[in-house]
């Protein structure tokens, strides 16, 4: 199988929303991850999209050169949907820390569609989190 074969990139409106994100308030670590995310999301690499989306949230919460250096803990506590953030962390962990069978990673016929859906949801979770922090338009 060729790289990305059978995989879909993000829907155009979601990719456009992601690519227009203002990252001037990000620290350098989060900014680098963001640039990689735009590339893998457009290329239709859903596993990388999920991993990077979750990683950007973690970095933004902790990188002192970014929002973590000037926002208080309450801003982070009320940003994003707790359920969606939990799903994203769990999905990333299923991908990175194999502990058993996981949907979309076992060669299922529909796995490409499932993983593409996961990528869409991951980017939406990230963008909603940033919007709540007032870090997106």
Protein backbone atom coordinates (compact mmCIF):
# COMPACT_ATOMS: atom_id res chain seq x y z
CA UNK A 1 0.00 0.00 0.00
CA UNK A 2 1.30 3.43 -0.91
CA UNK A 3 1.49 6.13 1.75
CA UNK A 4 -1.94 7.67 2.21
CA UNK A 5 -3.59 5.22 -0.20
CA UNK A 6 -7.26 4.99 0.60
CA UNK A 7 -7.01 7.80 3.14
CA UNK A 8 -8.84 11.07 2.90
CA UNK A 9 -7.47 14.45 3.89
CA UNK A 10 -9.50 16.74 6.10
CA UNK A 11 -12.63 18.27 4.58
CA UNK A 12 -11.74 21.53 2.83
CA UNK A 13 -13.57 23.75 5.33
CA UNK A 14 -11.78 22.15 8.28
CA UNK A 15 -8.40 22.29 6.55
CA UNK A 16 -9.01 25.95 5.71
CA UNK A 17 -9.94 26.69 9.33
CA UNK A 18 -6.78 24.92 10.51
CA UNK A 19 -4.50 26.62 7.99
CA UNK A 20 -5.84 30.08 8.91
CA UNK A 21 -5.12 29.62 12.60
CA UNK A 22 -3.22 32.54 14.12
CA UNK A 23 -0.25 31.04 15.97
CA UNK A 24 1.62 34.20 16.99
CA UNK A 25 0.79 33.45 20.65
CA UNK A 26 2.13 29.90 20.45
CA UNK A 27 5.54 29.05 21.84
CA UNK A 28 8.15 27.71 19.41
CA UNK A 29 7.48 24.04 20.26
CA UNK A 30 3.73 24.33 19.66
CA UNK A 31 4.32 26.37 16.49
CA UNK A 32 6.58 23.68 15.02
CA UNK A 33 4.05 20.96 15.82
CA UNK A 34 1.31 23.09 14.27
CA UNK A 35 3.22 23.44 10.98
CA UNK A 36 3.70 19.66 10.87
CA UNK A 37 0.00 19.15 11.64
CA UNK A 38 -1.10 21.24 8.67
CA UNK A 39 1.10 19.15 6.37
CA UNK A 40 0.00 15.72 7.62
CA UNK A 41 -3.68 16.73 7.80
CA UNK A 42 -3.63 17.90 4.19
CA UNK A 43 -1.77 14.76 3.12
CA UNK A 44 -4.44 12.47 4.56
CA UNK A 45 -2.32 10.96 7.34
CA UNK A 46 -4.95 10.47 10.05
CA UNK A 47 -2.81 8.77 12.71
CA UNK A 48 -0.26 11.59 12.59
CA UNK A 49 -3.09 14.12 12.62
CA UNK A 50 -4.53 12.64 15.83
CA UNK A 51 -1.12 12.39 17.50
CA UNK A 52 -0.10 15.95 16.63
CA UNK A 53 -3.47 17.46 17.58
CA UNK A 54 -3.24 15.91 21.04
CA UNK A 55 0.42 16.87 21.37
CA UNK A 56 -0.24 20.51 20.53
CA UNK A 57 -2.83 20.72 23.29
CA UNK A 58 -0.38 19.22 25.79
CA UNK A 59 2.40 21.58 24.73
CA UNK A 60 0.17 24.66 24.86
CA UNK A 61 -0.82 23.70 28.41
CA UNK A 62 2.82 23.47 29.52
CA UNK A 63 5.13 25.54 27.27
CA UNK A 64 6.06 28.64 29.24
CA UNK A 65 7.00 30.50 26.05
CA UNK A 66 3.36 30.26 24.95
CA UNK A 67 -0.05 30.67 26.61
CA UNK A 68 1.00 28.66 29.68
CA UNK A 69 3.36 31.51 30.49
CA UNK A 70 0.64 34.14 30.73
CA UNK A 71 -2.74 32.41 31.17
CA UNK A 72 -3.87 31.16 34.55
CA UNK A 73 -4.98 27.60 35.25
CA UNK A 74 -8.64 28.57 35.16
CA UNK A 75 -8.36 29.49 31.48
CA UNK A 76 -7.17 25.97 30.70
CA UNK A 77 -9.70 24.34 33.04
CA UNK A 78 -12.60 25.88 31.13
CA UNK A 79 -11.21 25.44 27.61
CA UNK A 80 -12.50 22.74 25.34
CA UNK A 81 -14.94 19.98 26.05
CA UNK A 82 -13.63 17.69 28.80
CA UNK A 83 -15.21 14.70 27.05
CA UNK A 84 -13.65 15.57 23.70
CA UNK A 85 -10.25 16.30 25.20
CA UNK A 86 -10.41 12.98 27.04
CA UNK A 87 -11.36 11.17 23.84
CA UNK A 88 -8.44 12.77 21.99
CA UNK A 89 -5.92 11.84 24.68
CA UNK A 90 -7.29 8.29 24.79
CA UNK A 91 -7.24 7.91 21.02
CA UNK A 92 -3.68 9.23 20.82
CA UNK A 93 -2.66 6.78 23.54
CA UNK A 94 -4.27 3.87 21.67
CA UNK A 95 -2.20 4.78 18.62
CA UNK A 96 1.11 5.42 20.37
CA UNK A 97 0.99 2.92 23.26
CA UNK A 98 -0.34 -0.30 21.79
CA UNK A 99 -2.03 -2.24 24.56
CA UNK A 100 -4.37 -4.33 22.46
CA UNK A 101 -6.69 -4.21 19.46
CA UNK A 102 -8.00 -0.77 18.54
CA UNK A 103 -10.63 0.22 15.98
CA UNK A 104 -9.15 1.30 12.69
CA UNK A 105 -5.77 -0.28 13.42
CA UNK A 106 -6.61 -3.92 12.76
CA UNK A 107 -6.98 -3.94 8.97
CA UNK A 108 -10.75 -3.55 8.94
CA UNK A 109 -12.37 -2.81 5.57
CA UNK A 110 -13.74 0.51 6.86
CA UNK A 111 -10.59 1.52 8.75
CA UNK A 112 -9.71 4.31 6.30
CA UNK A 113 -13.06 5.99 6.86
CA UNK A 114 -12.89 5.51 10.62
CA UNK A 115 -9.39 6.96 10.84
CA UNK A 116 -10.33 9.90 8.61
CA UNK A 117 -13.25 10.58 10.94
CA UNK A 118 -10.90 10.42 13.93
CA UNK A 119 -8.58 12.94 12.25
CA UNK A 120 -11.49 15.32 11.59
CA UNK A 121 -12.61 15.05 15.19
CA UNK A 122 -9.06 15.52 16.52
CA UNK A 123 -8.57 18.77 14.61
CA UNK A 124 -12.01 19.99 15.66
CA UNK A 125 -11.19 19.27 19.32
CA UNK A 126 -7.92 21.19 18.97
CA UNK A 127 -9.55 24.17 17.26
CA UNK A 128 -12.38 24.31 19.80
CA UNK A 129 -9.84 24.21 22.65
CA UNK A 130 -7.87 27.08 21.08
CA UNK A 131 -11.04 29.05 20.42
CA UNK A 132 -12.01 28.79 24.10
CA UNK A 133 -8.54 30.08 25.03
CA UNK A 134 -9.10 32.93 22.56
CA UNK A 135 -6.16 31.66 20.49
CA UNK A 136 -8.07 31.20 17.24
CA UNK A 137 -10.43 33.25 15.12
